[in-house]
Amino acid sequence: MKIIDRYLLRELIPPFFLGILIFTFVLLMSQILRLMELIVNKGVPLSTVLKMISFLLPSILVLTVPMSVFLTCIVTFGRWSSDNELTAIKSGGIGLMRLSLPVLAFSLATYLLTSYFIIYALPAGNQAFRRKMFEIVRTKATIGLKEKVFNDDFNGFVMYVNQIPETANPVMKGIIITDYRPEQRRPPQEPLTIIAEEGWLVVDEDSQRVILRLRNGGIHSLSRDYRKYQKIDFRIHDLQLSLGEEMAGAMNVPKGLREMTLRELSAKAAEYREQGVHSQGPQVEIHKKFAIPFATLIFGYLGIAMGVLFRRGEKFVSIAVSIGIAIIYYVFLLAGEPLGKQGRISPFLSMWAANIFFAALAAFLLWKAAKEKPSIVMNRLGGVASRLRSSRLFQPRQS
């Protein structure tokens, strides 16, 4: 490997990790705020929340790695252009296409990394996240209940328990529940009172529910005017629990096709064909697992071209352009996914249209950069950045 190749690779690594940190932090903010509520409101240990955030990282890195590759290349080659390093390198007989070879190697490494995330780590991470959340729900639901106390930790009803044995999953004795959730009232103005001899918690992972299973009791309803009373006896009655909006939101992890491996998606596609289901969802997800990682290769060359054509080194403009390109790319994916699943366009086109568009754009801009032809759009963007940087908004205030 030549010295210039090693030098370029060393230049690519710092902005790449900076981009990973910035973009991952931005995309994680909503999940972090939701999970922080578990610490404040539910007493979940910080170590558990950090572990759950690590489970979510693969689904975030699938998006941030391609964005970071683009940011890395546009920052590096933009600085080289502004500092005339690129001119000096070209004067030594090394052209732009030769310089792109280390970028290609770098993009291939990120392509393999992103492929691993989306094919293997993302399904496993989401599954581990749900298992940990169910464990928290089961534990906190039991811990939150106190003997001979009216517990209102659950949304929509108040529960009184006479006896709670100190075991892992206790069978509680003497349960009284006032259920005033709107969907359970008959009529809506009348709450229900449930009395049961005993009950215990059941976690249904398939349907993502936490259930309080009651045995040997009755459901009582008394009208507001005290003229009508109803009672329904039961031997077994299941009552779905809700531990608050923050817990429900944290449990809302994408489930289904997006979490399946390639083998599972292929099996699901075959199952759909046998059952006559008119859905191309599995095929779309298969193409997605290859299309998104491939974007790292395209963004690498697009970043080279735009960095050279900028001829300026403003990093905040590079970050803004990277975010803008990423938004356009993922809008393509978000628009194409439902069209592909509905069969209005082919699964291939639904996921690869963005790659085709940006590949053509990268080829065109790289040709202009290699021929050293000026780009009006890039120069105007750089001019806007320079004017903003020299404006009063970015000047220090004088006392």
Protein backbone atom coordinates (compact mmCIF):
# COMPACT_ATOMS: atom_id res chain seq x y z
CA MET A 1 0.00 0.00 0.00
CA LYS A 2 1.40 3.38 -0.97
CA ILE A 3 1.98 6.17 1.52
CA ILE A 4 -0.81 8.24 -0.01
CA ASP A 5 -3.26 5.37 0.52
CA ARG A 6 -2.33 5.03 4.19
CA TYR A 7 -2.51 8.79 4.62
CA LEU A 8 -5.97 8.96 3.08
CA LEU A 9 -7.29 6.10 5.21
CA ARG A 10 -5.99 7.81 8.34
CA GLU A 11 -7.79 10.95 7.22
CA LEU A 12 -11.08 9.06 6.77
CA ILE A 13 -11.25 7.37 10.16
CA PRO A 14 -11.69 10.37 12.55
CA PRO A 15 -14.63 12.03 10.71
CA PHE A 16 -16.24 8.61 10.26
CA PHE A 17 -16.39 7.96 14.00
CA LEU A 18 -17.44 11.57 14.58
CA GLY A 19 -20.32 11.07 12.17
CA ILE A 20 -21.27 7.81 13.88
CA LEU A 21 -21.40 9.59 17.24
CA ILE A 22 -23.40 12.57 15.96
CA PHE A 23 -25.96 10.71 13.86
CA THR A 24 -26.39 7.86 16.36
CA PHE A 25 -26.93 10.30 19.22
CA VAL A 26 -29.55 12.22 17.21
CA LEU A 27 -31.49 9.10 16.24
CA LEU A 28 -31.23 7.62 19.74
CA MET A 29 -32.51 10.74 21.51
CA SER A 30 -36.20 9.81 21.34
CA GLN A 31 -35.51 6.29 22.62
CA ILE A 32 -33.13 7.54 25.31
CA LEU A 33 -35.69 10.00 26.67
CA ARG A 34 -38.32 7.28 26.75
CA LEU A 35 -36.02 4.83 28.48
CA MET A 36 -34.87 7.45 30.99
CA GLU A 37 -38.46 7.62 32.19
CA LEU A 38 -38.11 4.00 33.28
CA ILE A 39 -35.34 5.08 35.66
CA VAL A 40 -37.31 8.01 37.07
CA ASN A 41 -40.79 6.53 37.22
CA LYS A 42 -40.20 2.79 37.53
CA GLY A 43 -36.89 2.56 39.36
CA VAL A 44 -35.18 0.53 36.64
CA PRO A 45 -31.38 0.40 37.24
CA LEU A 46 -29.19 2.52 34.96
CA SER A 47 -27.17 -0.55 33.98
CA THR A 48 -30.34 -2.22 32.66
CA VAL A 49 -31.29 0.84 30.62
CA LEU A 50 -27.78 1.03 29.14
CA LYS A 51 -28.03 -2.62 28.18
CA MET A 52 -31.36 -1.97 26.47
CA ILE A 53 -29.85 0.95 24.55
CA SER A 54 -27.12 -1.40 23.34
CA PHE A 55 -29.84 -3.72 22.02
CA LEU A 56 -31.25 -0.83 19.96
CA LEU A 57 -27.89 0.20 18.50
CA PRO A 58 -27.89 -2.22 15.51
CA SER A 59 -31.16 -0.77 14.20
CA ILE A 60 -29.68 2.73 14.52
CA LEU A 61 -26.25 1.91 13.08
CA VAL A 62 -27.87 0.45 9.97
CA LEU A 63 -28.90 4.03 9.16
CA THR A 64 -25.97 5.99 10.56
CA VAL A 65 -23.09 4.06 8.97
CA PRO A 66 -24.02 5.04 5.37
CA MET A 67 -24.62 8.63 6.50
CA SER A 68 -21.22 8.69 8.20
CA VAL A 69 -19.44 7.35 5.12
CA PHE A 70 -20.86 10.21 3.07
CA LEU A 71 -19.94 12.79 5.74
CA THR A 72 -16.42 11.35 5.99
CA CYS A 73 -15.71 11.63 2.28
CA ILE A 74 -17.23 15.05 1.76
CA VAL A 75 -15.33 16.50 4.77
CA THR A 76 -12.00 14.90 3.84
CA PHE A 77 -11.99 15.78 0.16
CA GLY A 78 -13.53 19.18 0.85
CA ARG A 79 -10.63 20.01 3.16
CA TRP A 80 -8.11 18.68 0.66
CA SER A 81 -9.62 20.88 -2.02
CA SER A 82 -9.68 24.01 0.14
CA ASP A 83 -6.10 23.46 1.38
CA ASN A 84 -4.83 22.69 -2.16
CA GLU A 85 -3.62 19.27 -1.01
CA LEU A 86 -5.60 17.69 -3.83
CA THR A 87 -3.86 19.94 -6.35
CA ALA A 88 -0.45 18.95 -4.96
CA ILE A 89 -1.33 15.25 -5.15
CA LYS A 90 -2.56 15.60 -8.73
CA SER A 91 0.65 17.36 -9.68
CA GLY A 92 2.46 14.22 -8.59
CA GLY A 93 0.61 12.21 -11.23
CA ILE A 94 -2.10 10.74 -8.97
CA GLY A 95 -5.58 11.32 -10.37
CA LEU A 96 -8.89 11.48 -8.59
CA MET A 97 -9.92 8.00 -9.71
CA ARG A 98 -6.70 6.56 -8.28
CA LEU A 99 -7.43 8.34 -4.98
CA SER A 100 -10.86 6.74 -4.90
CA LEU A 101 -9.38 3.24 -4.47
CA PRO A 102 -8.70 3.64 -0.71
CA VAL A 103 -12.21 5.07 -0.38
CA LEU A 104 -13.55 2.01 -2.17
CA ALA A 105 -11.74 -0.25 0.32
CA PHE A 106 -13.08 1.84 3.20
CA SER A 107 -16.63 1.70 1.76
CA LEU A 108 -16.38 -2.07 1.28
CA ALA A 109 -15.46 -2.48 4.95
CA THR A 110 -18.46 -0.38 6.02
CA TYR A 111 -20.63 -2.31 3.56
CA LEU A 112 -19.72 -5.58 5.28
CA LEU A 113 -20.29 -3.99 8.69
CA THR A 114 -23.72 -2.65 7.73
CA SER A 115 -24.67 -6.00 6.18
CA TYR A 116 -23.84 -7.75 9.43
CA PHE A 117 -25.92 -5.24 11.39
CA ILE A 118 -29.03 -5.49 9.21
CA ILE A 119 -28.96 -9.25 8.57
CA TYR A 120 -27.88 -10.61 11.94
CA ALA A 121 -27.51 -8.01 14.70
CA LEU A 122 -30.74 -6.08 14.16
CA PRO A 123 -33.14 -9.06 14.54
CA ALA A 124 -31.19 -10.38 17.53
CA GLY A 125 -31.05 -6.93 19.15
CA ASN A 126 -34.76 -6.29 18.82
CA GLN A 127 -35.57 -9.72 20.22
CA ALA A 128 -33.24 -9.15 23.19
CA PHE A 129 -34.79 -5.72 23.78
CA ARG A 130 -38.29 -7.18 23.97
CA ARG A 131 -37.19 -9.97 26.29
CA LYS A 132 -35.56 -7.47 28.63
CA MET A 133 -38.63 -5.23 28.54
CA PHE A 134 -40.92 -8.13 29.41
CA GLU A 135 -38.61 -9.02 32.27
CA ILE A 136 -38.85 -5.44 33.55
CA VAL A 137 -42.61 -5.39 33.17
CA ARG A 138 -43.00 -8.65 35.05
CA THR A 139 -40.60 -7.63 37.81
CA LYS A 140 -41.83 -4.09 38.28
CA ALA A 141 -45.48 -5.12 38.19
CA THR A 142 -44.82 -7.52 41.07
CA ILE A 143 -42.58 -5.15 43.02
CA GLY A 144 -44.99 -2.27 42.59
CA LEU A 145 -47.76 -4.16 44.39
CA LYS A 146 -47.87 -3.86 48.17
CA GLU A 147 -49.93 -5.85 50.62
CA LYS A 148 -53.00 -4.14 52.12
CA VAL A 149 -52.39 -0.98 50.07
CA PHE A 150 -54.49 0.50 47.26
CA ASN A 151 -52.04 0.41 44.32
CA ASP A 152 -52.62 2.89 41.49
CA ASP A 153 -49.43 2.25 39.47
CA PHE A 154 -51.49 0.76 36.66
CA ASN A 155 -53.28 2.96 34.13
CA GLY A 156 -57.04 2.73 34.39
CA PHE A 157 -57.59 0.85 37.64
CA VAL A 158 -56.78 0.61 41.33
CA MET A 159 -55.87 -2.74 42.91
CA TYR A 160 -55.87 -3.94 46.50
CA VAL A 161 -54.13 -7.20 47.46
CA ASN A 162 -54.52 -8.75 50.89
CA GLN A 163 -51.52 -11.11 50.72
CA ILE A 164 -48.47 -11.34 48.44
CA PRO A 165 -46.12 -14.29 49.13
CA GLU A 166 -42.39 -13.51 48.79
CA THR A 167 -41.67 -15.71 45.79
CA ALA A 168 -40.48 -15.11 42.22
CA ASN A 169 -43.98 -15.15 40.72
CA PRO A 170 -46.34 -15.13 43.70
CA VAL A 171 -49.97 -16.26 43.72
CA MET A 172 -51.62 -13.26 45.34
CA LYS A 173 -54.57 -13.71 47.71
CA GLY A 174 -57.63 -11.56 48.29
CA ILE A 175 -57.71 -9.23 45.26
CA ILE A 176 -60.05 -6.25 44.80
CA ILE A 177 -59.84 -4.18 41.60
CA THR A 178 -61.70 -1.06 40.53
CA ASP A 179 -61.52 -0.87 36.74
CA TYR A 180 -62.49 2.54 35.34
CA ARG A 181 -60.96 2.26 31.88
CA PRO A 182 -63.42 3.68 29.29
CA GLU A 183 -63.40 0.60 27.06
CA GLN A 184 -64.33 -1.62 30.04
CA ARG A 185 -67.28 0.41 31.36
CA ARG A 186 -70.84 -0.89 30.72
CA PRO A 187 -72.25 1.76 30.31
CA PRO A 188 -69.26 4.13 30.01
CA GLN A 189 -70.10 6.03 33.21
CA GLU A 190 -70.03 2.95 35.41
CA PRO A 191 -66.72 1.50 36.67
CA LEU A 192 -66.34 -2.20 37.33
CA THR A 193 -65.35 -3.82 40.61
CA ILE A 194 -63.60 -7.18 40.38
CA ILE A 195 -63.14 -9.42 43.39
CA ALA A 196 -61.10 -12.63 43.20
CA GLU A 197 -59.74 -15.17 45.65
CA GLU A 198 -56.31 -15.22 44.02
CA GLY A 199 -54.32 -14.13 40.96
CA TRP A 200 -50.87 -14.11 39.38
CA LEU A 201 -49.02 -12.36 36.57
CA VAL A 202 -48.67 -13.98 33.14
CA VAL A 203 -46.41 -12.60 30.39
CA ASP A 204 -47.56 -13.38 26.85
CA GLU A 205 -44.51 -12.65 24.67
CA ASP A 206 -46.28 -13.53 21.41
CA SER A 207 -48.87 -10.77 21.85
CA GLN A 208 -46.62 -8.48 23.94
CA ARG A 209 -49.04 -8.38 26.86
CA VAL A 210 -48.74 -8.57 30.63
CA ILE A 211 -51.83 -10.23 32.08
CA LEU A 212 -53.15 -10.51 35.60
CA ARG A 213 -54.87 -13.92 35.68
CA LEU A 214 -57.62 -14.03 38.33
CA ARG A 215 -59.27 -17.17 39.70
CA ASN A 216 -62.59 -17.75 41.52
CA GLY A 217 -64.21 -14.33 41.62
CA GLY A 218 -66.85 -12.04 40.23
CA ILE A 219 -67.25 -8.81 38.25
CA HIS A 220 -69.62 -6.33 39.91
CA SER A 221 -71.28 -3.29 38.32
CA LEU A 222 -73.52 -0.76 40.12
CA SER A 223 -75.27 2.06 38.29
CA ARG A 224 -74.74 5.63 39.38
CA ASP A 225 -78.34 5.93 40.59
CA TYR A 226 -78.00 2.67 42.61
CA ARG A 227 -80.99 1.15 40.76
CA LYS A 228 -79.18 -1.44 38.69
CA TYR A 229 -76.68 -4.03 39.88
CA GLN A 230 -74.98 -6.74 37.82
CA LYS A 231 -72.68 -9.57 38.80
CA ILE A 232 -70.78 -12.02 36.62
CA ASP A 233 -69.04 -14.94 38.31
CA PHE A 234 -65.92 -16.41 36.77
CA ARG A 235 -63.51 -19.22 37.44
CA ILE A 236 -60.67 -17.71 35.36
CA HIS A 237 -60.54 -14.09 34.21
CA ASP A 238 -57.62 -12.41 32.40
CA LEU A 239 -57.03 -8.70 32.94
CA GLN A 240 -54.50 -6.96 30.71
CA LEU A 241 -52.23 -4.57 32.62
CA SER A 242 -50.83 -1.25 31.48
CA LEU A 243 -47.80 0.21 33.29
CA GLY A 244 -47.95 3.71 31.82
CA GLU A 245 -47.23 5.42 28.53
CA GLU A 246 -43.47 5.34 28.95
CA MET A 247 -43.47 1.57 29.41
CA ALA A 248 -45.86 1.01 26.50
CA GLY A 249 -43.78 3.26 24.27
CA ALA A 250 -40.55 1.50 25.18
CA MET A 251 -42.11 -1.86 24.39
CA ASN A 252 -43.13 -0.63 20.94
CA VAL A 253 -40.28 -2.25 19.03
CA PRO A 254 -40.85 -3.13 15.37
CA LYS A 255 -41.89 -6.72 15.09
CA GLY A 256 -42.51 -9.14 12.27
CA LEU A 257 -40.88 -9.07 8.85
CA ARG A 258 -38.31 -6.45 9.78
CA GLU A 259 -36.90 -8.69 12.47
CA MET A 260 -36.68 -11.87 10.41
CA THR A 261 -33.47 -13.30 9.06
CA LEU A 262 -33.00 -13.98 5.36
CA ARG A 263 -33.91 -17.64 5.82
CA GLU A 264 -37.07 -16.74 7.72
CA LEU A 265 -38.06 -14.16 5.10
CA SER A 266 -37.61 -16.71 2.31
CA ALA A 267 -39.76 -19.19 4.23
CA LYS A 268 -42.40 -16.53 4.82
CA ALA A 269 -42.45 -15.62 1.11
CA ALA A 270 -42.96 -19.30 0.23
CA GLU A 271 -45.73 -19.52 2.83
CA TYR A 272 -47.48 -16.49 1.34
CA ARG A 273 -47.36 -18.06 -2.12
CA GLU A 274 -48.81 -21.34 -0.87
CA GLN A 275 -51.63 -19.56 0.98
CA GLY A 276 -52.35 -17.21 -1.92
CA VAL A 277 -51.57 -14.10 0.13
CA HIS A 278 -51.13 -11.13 -2.21
CA SER A 279 -48.30 -9.45 -0.34
CA GLN A 280 -44.72 -8.86 -1.41
CA GLY A 281 -43.60 -7.84 2.08
CA PRO A 282 -40.99 -10.59 2.51
CA GLN A 283 -39.44 -9.89 -0.89
CA VAL A 284 -39.26 -6.17 -0.11
CA GLU A 285 -37.51 -6.86 3.21
CA ILE A 286 -35.02 -9.18 1.50
CA HIS A 287 -34.10 -6.46 -0.99
CA LYS A 288 -33.86 -3.93 1.84
CA LYS A 289 -31.24 -6.03 3.64
CA PHE A 290 -29.00 -5.72 0.59
CA ALA A 291 -29.95 -2.26 -0.70
CA ILE A 292 -29.19 -0.27 2.47
CA PRO A 293 -25.65 -1.67 2.96
CA PHE A 294 -24.93 -1.09 -0.74
CA ALA A 295 -25.61 2.60 -0.19
CA THR A 296 -22.28 2.87 1.66
CA LEU A 297 -20.46 2.22 -1.64
CA ILE A 298 -22.49 4.86 -3.45
CA PHE A 299 -22.20 7.45 -0.70
CA GLY A 300 -18.44 7.00 -0.64
CA TYR A 301 -18.07 8.10 -4.27
CA LEU A 302 -20.79 10.73 -3.94
CA GLY A 303 -18.91 12.22 -0.99
CA ILE A 304 -15.69 12.35 -3.02
CA ALA A 305 -17.37 14.21 -5.86
CA MET A 306 -19.24 16.70 -3.68
CA GLY A 307 -16.19 17.29 -1.48
CA VAL A 308 -14.04 18.16 -4.50
CA LEU A 309 -16.70 20.33 -6.09
CA PHE A 310 -17.30 22.25 -2.85
CA ARG A 311 -13.74 23.56 -2.90
CA ARG A 312 -14.34 24.72 0.66
CA GLY A 313 -13.94 23.06 4.04
CA GLU A 314 -16.93 24.24 6.08
CA LYS A 315 -17.76 21.28 8.28
CA PHE A 316 -21.17 22.46 9.43
CA VAL A 317 -22.26 22.79 5.80
CA SER A 318 -20.93 19.30 5.12
CA ILE A 319 -22.96 17.95 8.03
CA ALA A 320 -26.07 19.79 6.80
CA VAL A 321 -25.59 18.44 3.27
CA SER A 322 -25.06 14.93 4.66
CA ILE A 323 -28.29 15.12 6.63
CA GLY A 324 -30.13 16.47 3.58
CA ILE A 325 -28.85 13.68 1.32
CA ALA A 326 -29.69 11.08 3.99
CA ILE A 327 -33.23 12.45 4.33
CA ILE A 328 -33.76 12.29 0.57
CA TYR A 329 -32.40 8.75 0.46
CA TYR A 330 -34.59 7.45 3.27
CA VAL A 331 -37.65 9.26 1.86
CA PHE A 332 -37.08 7.16 -1.26
CA LEU A 333 -37.08 4.03 0.91
CA LEU A 334 -40.11 5.05 2.97
CA ALA A 335 -42.09 5.88 -0.16
CA GLY A 336 -41.03 2.76 -2.03
CA GLU A 337 -41.61 0.25 0.78
CA PRO A 338 -45.44 0.44 0.92
CA LEU A 339 -45.65 0.58 -2.88
CA GLY A 340 -43.56 -2.57 -3.12
CA LYS A 341 -45.50 -4.42 -0.43
CA GLN A 342 -48.79 -3.52 -2.11
CA GLY A 343 -47.52 -4.83 -5.45
CA ARG A 344 -47.82 -1.45 -7.19
CA ILE A 345 -44.12 -1.61 -8.12
CA SER A 346 -41.63 -4.47 -8.08
CA PRO A 347 -39.87 -5.26 -4.78
CA PHE A 348 -36.52 -4.65 -6.48
CA LEU A 349 -37.46 -1.16 -7.64
CA SER A 350 -39.05 -0.24 -4.31
CA MET A 351 -35.76 -0.69 -2.46
CA TRP A 352 -33.17 -0.06 -5.18
CA ALA A 353 -34.62 3.08 -6.79
CA ALA A 354 -32.77 5.31 -4.30
CA ASN A 355 -29.48 3.52 -4.98
CA ILE A 356 -29.96 3.80 -8.74
CA PHE A 357 -30.71 7.54 -8.50
CA PHE A 358 -27.76 8.36 -6.23
CA ALA A 359 -25.42 6.08 -8.18
CA ALA A 360 -26.22 8.04 -11.34
CA LEU A 361 -25.77 11.31 -9.46
CA ALA A 362 -22.44 10.14 -8.01
CA ALA A 363 -21.17 9.06 -11.45
CA PHE A 364 -22.14 12.41 -12.99
CA LEU A 365 -20.58 14.52 -10.23
CA LEU A 366 -17.45 12.36 -10.10
CA TRP A 367 -17.01 12.83 -13.83
CA LYS A 368 -17.29 16.60 -13.40
CA ALA A 369 -14.83 16.53 -10.51
CA ALA A 370 -12.31 14.38 -12.44
CA LYS A 371 -12.56 16.75 -15.42
CA GLU A 372 -12.23 19.71 -13.01
CA LYS A 373 -15.40 21.26 -14.32
CA PRO A 374 -16.96 23.76 -11.92
CA SER A 375 -20.29 22.97 -10.32
CA ILE A 376 -22.55 25.98 -9.98
CA VAL A 377 -24.72 24.34 -7.30
CA MET A 378 -21.74 23.31 -5.16
CA ASN A 379 -20.08 26.70 -5.46
CA ARG A 380 -23.27 28.47 -4.50
CA LEU A 381 -23.70 26.24 -1.45
CA GLY A 382 -20.15 26.99 -0.42
CA GLY A 383 -20.74 30.71 -0.97
CA VAL A 384 -23.83 30.64 1.21
CA ALA A 385 -21.82 28.90 3.93
CA SER A 386 -19.08 31.51 3.78
CA ARG A 387 -21.58 34.38 4.03
CA LEU A 388 -23.32 32.72 6.97
CA ARG A 389 -20.04 32.17 8.77
CA SER A 390 -19.03 35.83 8.30
CA SER A 391 -22.45 37.19 9.26
CA ARG A 392 -23.25 38.79 12.59
CA LEU A 393 -25.05 35.64 13.71
CA PHE A 394 -21.72 33.81 14.09
CA GLN A 395 -19.68 36.77 15.33
CA PRO A 396 -18.91 37.04 19.07
CA ARG A 397 -20.79 39.71 20.93
CA GLN A 398 -18.80 42.64 22.21
CA SER A 399 -19.48 43.85 25.73
